[in-house]
Structures are given as C-alpha cells and as structure tokens.
Amino acid sequence: MAITDPIADMLTRIRNANRTGKPRVNVKRSKICLGVAKVLKEEGYVLDFATVEDASGQGEIRIDLKYGDRGEKVIQDLQRVSRPGGRVYRRVDELPKVLDGLGISIVSTSRGVLSDRQARKLSVGGEVLCEVW
C-alpha cells in the first residue's frame, strides 16, 4: 500500500510508540523523513536514528525514542502543520515559535530540513512541516 503522506505516517508512528512507552519505532525511509529524524536528534527529542534495510527494498528508519530518568516522555506531542492538501509556507520572520520557544517547528527550506531556530540563524523560510513539543 502506498503512503500518500510519509511525514504524517512518521509522526503518527512516533506518537503511538511514545504513548505506549516503546523504546524504538520503525518508519518508512524517505529523504524528507531522514531530514525530520535528523532534526529531532539534533534538538534532543530522540536518542538516535539509523537506516535499516527491509524486505520491500525501500528501507526503514529505526528511531530510538528518548525518555527521562523516571520514564517521563521527552516528546509531549507532534502535530502536522503543512498537509498535501494545504501547504503552509512562511518567511523567516513569520516562522512560528512553538510554546514561546519550548518546542520547535520543523521547516523544509532550500538548505534542507531545519528546525525553526536553524532557519532563523540561516535567514531562510520554507514549508512548515510539523511542530514538536
């Protein structure tokens, strides 16, 4: 079955695994999902990620989820902002600050997939993919 929105599928898999306390989750590999996983790792929301091969030949991304010392969730929620039916583009000065800077927006820019902080530093805008807090 073809996935029409790989980012929404990735976020849903992470959200579901996080709610049940799973240590890791596998998502279908794509360039955009690799970029999102990289940003989540750089910002400290996941421990690590790695690509693994599967039977379909497309491959998967294995994401190791992060929890606190007493099992508290590092990722409280993930929300998709831009959807295939309604893209959301923002200039650098219009990039949203999630929870006054406690969360991040993940943005697809001309310089790759970046967090909103990195996009502001590089002074680039783009498509707001999702918000994480």
C-alpha atoms as a PDB file:
ATOM      1  CA  MET A   1       0.000   0.000   0.000  1.00  0.00           C
ATOM      2  CA  ALA A   2       1.403   3.384  -0.997  1.00  0.00           C
ATOM      3  CA  ILE A   3       1.629   6.062   1.665  1.00  0.00           C
ATOM      4  CA  THR A   4       0.359   9.414   0.395  1.00  0.00           C
ATOM      5  CA  ASP A   5       1.808  11.424   3.282  1.00  0.00           C
ATOM      6  CA  PRO A   6       5.021   9.870   4.640  1.00  0.00           C
ATOM      7  CA  ILE A   7       5.591  12.666   7.168  1.00  0.00           C
ATOM      8  CA  ALA A   8       2.148  12.226   8.753  1.00  0.00           C
ATOM      9  CA  ASP A   9       2.747   8.464   8.855  1.00  0.00           C
ATOM     10  CA  MET A  10       6.117   9.027  10.556  1.00  0.00           C
ATOM     11  CA  LEU A  11       4.664  11.406  13.139  1.00  0.00           C
ATOM     12  CA  THR A  12       1.777   9.049  13.891  1.00  0.00           C
ATOM     13  CA  ARG A  13       4.119   6.094  14.386  1.00  0.00           C
ATOM     14  CA  ILE A  14       6.344   8.142  16.720  1.00  0.00           C
ATOM     15  CA  ARG A  15       3.314   9.476  18.620  1.00  0.00           C
ATOM     16  CA  ASN A  16       1.826   5.990  19.086  1.00  0.00           C
ATOM     17  CA  ALA A  17       5.129   4.403  20.160  1.00  0.00           C
ATOM     18  CA  ASN A  18       5.785   7.287  22.552  1.00  0.00           C
ATOM     19  CA  ARG A  19       2.344   6.934  24.177  1.00  0.00           C
ATOM     20  CA  THR A  20       2.880   3.228  24.821  1.00  0.00           C
ATOM     21  CA  GLY A  21       6.460   3.689  26.074  1.00  0.00           C
ATOM     22  CA  LYS A  22       8.187   1.719  23.297  1.00  0.00           C
ATOM     23  CA  PRO A  23      11.981   2.138  23.160  1.00  0.00           C
ATOM     24  CA  ARG A  24      12.134   2.392  19.350  1.00  0.00           C
ATOM     25  CA  VAL A  25       9.970   2.712  16.272  1.00  0.00           C
ATOM     26  CA  ASN A  26      10.499   1.945  12.578  1.00  0.00           C
ATOM     27  CA  VAL A  27       9.232   4.255   9.832  1.00  0.00           C
ATOM     28  CA  LYS A  28       9.495   4.037   6.043  1.00  0.00           C
ATOM     29  CA  ARG A  29      12.636   5.665   4.702  1.00  0.00           C
ATOM     30  CA  SER A  30      12.447   8.751   2.509  1.00  0.00           C
ATOM     31  CA  LYS A  31      14.669  11.811   2.154  1.00  0.00           C
ATOM     32  CA  ILE A  32      12.208  14.077   3.955  1.00  0.00           C
ATOM     33  CA  CYS A  33      11.716  11.607   6.828  1.00  0.00           C
ATOM     34  CA  LEU A  34      15.503  11.289   7.207  1.00  0.00           C
ATOM     35  CA  GLY A  35      15.668  15.078   7.453  1.00  0.00           C
ATOM     36  CA  VAL A  36      12.943  15.169  10.114  1.00  0.00           C
ATOM     37  CA  ALA A  37      14.683  12.408  12.105  1.00  0.00           C
ATOM     38  CA  LYS A  38      17.976  14.328  11.893  1.00  0.00           C
ATOM     39  CA  VAL A  39      16.365  17.490  13.267  1.00  0.00           C
ATOM     40  CA  LEU A  40      14.666  15.537  16.076  1.00  0.00           C
ATOM     41  CA  LYS A  41      18.050  14.105  17.081  1.00  0.00           C
ATOM     42  CA  GLU A  42      19.884  17.440  16.851  1.00  0.00           C
ATOM     43  CA  GLU A  43      17.234  19.123  19.010  1.00  0.00           C
ATOM     44  CA  GLY A  44      17.349  16.341  21.624  1.00  0.00           C
ATOM     45  CA  TYR A  45      13.883  14.829  21.142  1.00  0.00           C
ATOM     46  CA  VAL A  46      15.166  11.344  20.189  1.00  0.00           C
ATOM     47  CA  LEU A  47      18.290   9.433  21.209  1.00  0.00           C
ATOM     48  CA  ASP A  48      19.400   8.296  17.763  1.00  0.00           C
ATOM     49  CA  PHE A  49      18.259   7.029  14.385  1.00  0.00           C
ATOM     50  CA  ALA A  50      19.667   4.643  11.810  1.00  0.00           C
ATOM     51  CA  THR A  51      18.631   3.359   8.420  1.00  0.00           C
ATOM     52  CA  VAL A  52      17.960  -0.368   8.074  1.00  0.00           C
ATOM     53  CA  GLU A  53      17.055  -2.495   5.084  1.00  0.00           C
ATOM     54  CA  ASP A  54      13.712  -4.269   4.865  1.00  0.00           C
ATOM     55  CA  ALA A  55      12.089  -6.794   2.539  1.00  0.00           C
ATOM     56  CA  SER A  56      10.479  -4.133   0.325  1.00  0.00           C
ATOM     57  CA  GLY A  57      13.848  -2.675  -0.694  1.00  0.00           C
ATOM     58  CA  GLN A  58      12.820   0.864   0.297  1.00  0.00           C
ATOM     59  CA  GLY A  59      14.335   0.593   3.746  1.00  0.00           C
ATOM     60  CA  GLU A  60      13.292   1.900   7.109  1.00  0.00           C
ATOM     61  CA  ILE A  61      14.490   4.403   9.665  1.00  0.00           C
ATOM     62  CA  ARG A  62      14.842   2.978  13.175  1.00  0.00           C
ATOM     63  CA  ILE A  63      14.299   5.784  15.691  1.00  0.00           C
ATOM     64  CA  ASP A  64      15.322   5.308  19.334  1.00  0.00           C
ATOM     65  CA  LEU A  65      12.878   7.297  21.452  1.00  0.00           C
ATOM     66  CA  LYS A  66      14.039   9.321  24.438  1.00  0.00           C
ATOM     67  CA  TYR A  67      12.549   9.248  27.928  1.00  0.00           C
ATOM     68  CA  GLY A  68      13.538  10.933  31.195  1.00  0.00           C
ATOM     69  CA  ASP A  69      15.074   9.220  34.231  1.00  0.00           C
ATOM     70  CA  ARG A  70      11.655   8.361  35.667  1.00  0.00           C
ATOM     71  CA  GLY A  71      10.106   7.422  32.332  1.00  0.00           C
ATOM     72  CA  GLU A  72       8.653  10.840  31.510  1.00  0.00           C
ATOM     73  CA  LYS A  73       8.203  11.491  27.815  1.00  0.00           C
ATOM     74  CA  VAL A  74      10.561  13.958  26.119  1.00  0.00           C
ATOM     75  CA  ILE A  75       8.139  14.350  23.191  1.00  0.00           C
ATOM     76  CA  GLN A  76       4.843  15.579  24.598  1.00  0.00           C
ATOM     77  CA  ASP A  77       3.161  15.917  21.206  1.00  0.00           C
ATOM     78  CA  LEU A  78       3.814  16.174  17.458  1.00  0.00           C
ATOM     79  CA  GLN A  79       1.441  17.982  15.106  1.00  0.00           C
ATOM     80  CA  ARG A  80       1.497  18.093  11.317  1.00  0.00           C
ATOM     81  CA  VAL A  81       1.168  21.690  10.051  1.00  0.00           C
ATOM     82  CA  SER A  82       1.547  21.535   6.263  1.00  0.00           C
ATOM     83  CA  ARG A  83      -0.504  18.812   4.595  1.00  0.00           C
ATOM     84  CA  PRO A  84      -0.615  17.574   0.994  1.00  0.00           C
ATOM     85  CA  GLY A  85      -3.974  19.337   0.538  1.00  0.00           C
ATOM     86  CA  GLY A  86      -2.892  22.583   2.190  1.00  0.00           C
ATOM     87  CA  ARG A  87       0.739  23.589   2.180  1.00  0.00           C
ATOM     88  CA  VAL A  88       1.877  26.157   4.760  1.00  0.00           C
ATOM     89  CA  TYR A  89       4.818  28.347   3.739  1.00  0.00           C
ATOM     90  CA  ARG A  90       6.367  31.011   5.976  1.00  0.00           C
ATOM     91  CA  ARG A  91       9.053  33.637   5.529  1.00  0.00           C
ATOM     92  CA  VAL A  92      11.848  33.666   8.083  1.00  0.00           C
ATOM     93  CA  ASP A  93      10.210  36.486  10.073  1.00  0.00           C
ATOM     94  CA  GLU A  94       6.887  34.584  10.134  1.00  0.00           C
ATOM     95  CA  LEU A  95       8.218  31.252  11.433  1.00  0.00           C
ATOM     96  CA  PRO A  96       6.150  30.196  14.453  1.00  0.00           C
ATOM     97  CA  LYS A  97       7.642  29.933  17.945  1.00  0.00           C
ATOM     98  CA  VAL A  98       6.154  26.813  19.485  1.00  0.00           C
ATOM     99  CA  LEU A  99       5.239  27.344  23.161  1.00  0.00           C
ATOM    100  CA  ASP A 100       7.381  30.501  23.263  1.00  0.00           C
ATOM    101  CA  GLY A 101      10.489  28.587  22.231  1.00  0.00           C
ATOM    102  CA  LEU A 102       9.990  25.472  24.391  1.00  0.00           C
ATOM    103  CA  GLY A 103       9.105  23.447  21.286  1.00  0.00           C
ATOM    104  CA  ILE A 104      10.302  23.505  17.700  1.00  0.00           C
ATOM    105  CA  SER A 105       8.901  23.800  14.218  1.00  0.00           C
ATOM    106  CA  ILE A 106      10.493  21.647  11.540  1.00  0.00           C
ATOM    107  CA  VAL A 107      10.829  23.515   8.255  1.00  0.00           C
ATOM    108  CA  SER A 108      11.705  22.294   4.760  1.00  0.00           C
ATOM    109  CA  THR A 109      13.911  25.002   3.240  1.00  0.00           C
ATOM    110  CA  SER A 110      16.142  25.452   0.226  1.00  0.00           C
ATOM    111  CA  ARG A 111      19.015  24.455   2.547  1.00  0.00           C
ATOM    112  CA  GLY A 112      17.379  21.221   3.653  1.00  0.00           C
ATOM    113  CA  VAL A 113      15.136  20.244   6.543  1.00  0.00           C
ATOM    114  CA  LEU A 114      15.873  22.525   9.520  1.00  0.00           C
ATOM    115  CA  SER A 115      14.457  23.457  12.896  1.00  0.00           C
ATOM    116  CA  ASP A 116      12.930  26.928  13.182  1.00  0.00           C
ATOM    117  CA  ARG A 117      15.984  28.064  15.199  1.00  0.00           C
ATOM    118  CA  GLN A 118      18.394  26.925  12.478  1.00  0.00           C
ATOM    119  CA  ALA A 119      16.214  28.525   9.784  1.00  0.00           C
ATOM    120  CA  ARG A 120      16.228  31.854  11.631  1.00  0.00           C
ATOM    121  CA  LYS A 121      20.015  31.652  12.052  1.00  0.00           C
ATOM    122  CA  LEU A 122      20.459  30.989   8.310  1.00  0.00           C
ATOM    123  CA  SER A 123      17.741  33.547   7.495  1.00  0.00           C
ATOM    124  CA  VAL A 124      15.653  31.214   5.324  1.00  0.00           C
ATOM    125  CA  GLY A 125      11.950  30.420   5.287  1.00  0.00           C
ATOM    126  CA  GLY A 126      10.108  27.499   3.787  1.00  0.00           C
ATOM    127  CA  GLU A 127       7.359  24.954   4.267  1.00  0.00           C
ATOM    128  CA  VAL A 128       6.455  24.365   7.930  1.00  0.00           C
ATOM    129  CA  LEU A 129       6.207  20.562   8.135  1.00  0.00           C
ATOM    130  CA  CYS A 130       5.344  19.993  11.796  1.00  0.00           C
ATOM    131  CA  GLU A 131       5.604  21.224  15.366  1.00  0.00           C
ATOM    132  CA  VAL A 132       7.123  19.244  18.242  1.00  0.00           C
ATOM    133  CA  TRP A 133       6.949  19.930  21.967  1.00  0.00           C
END
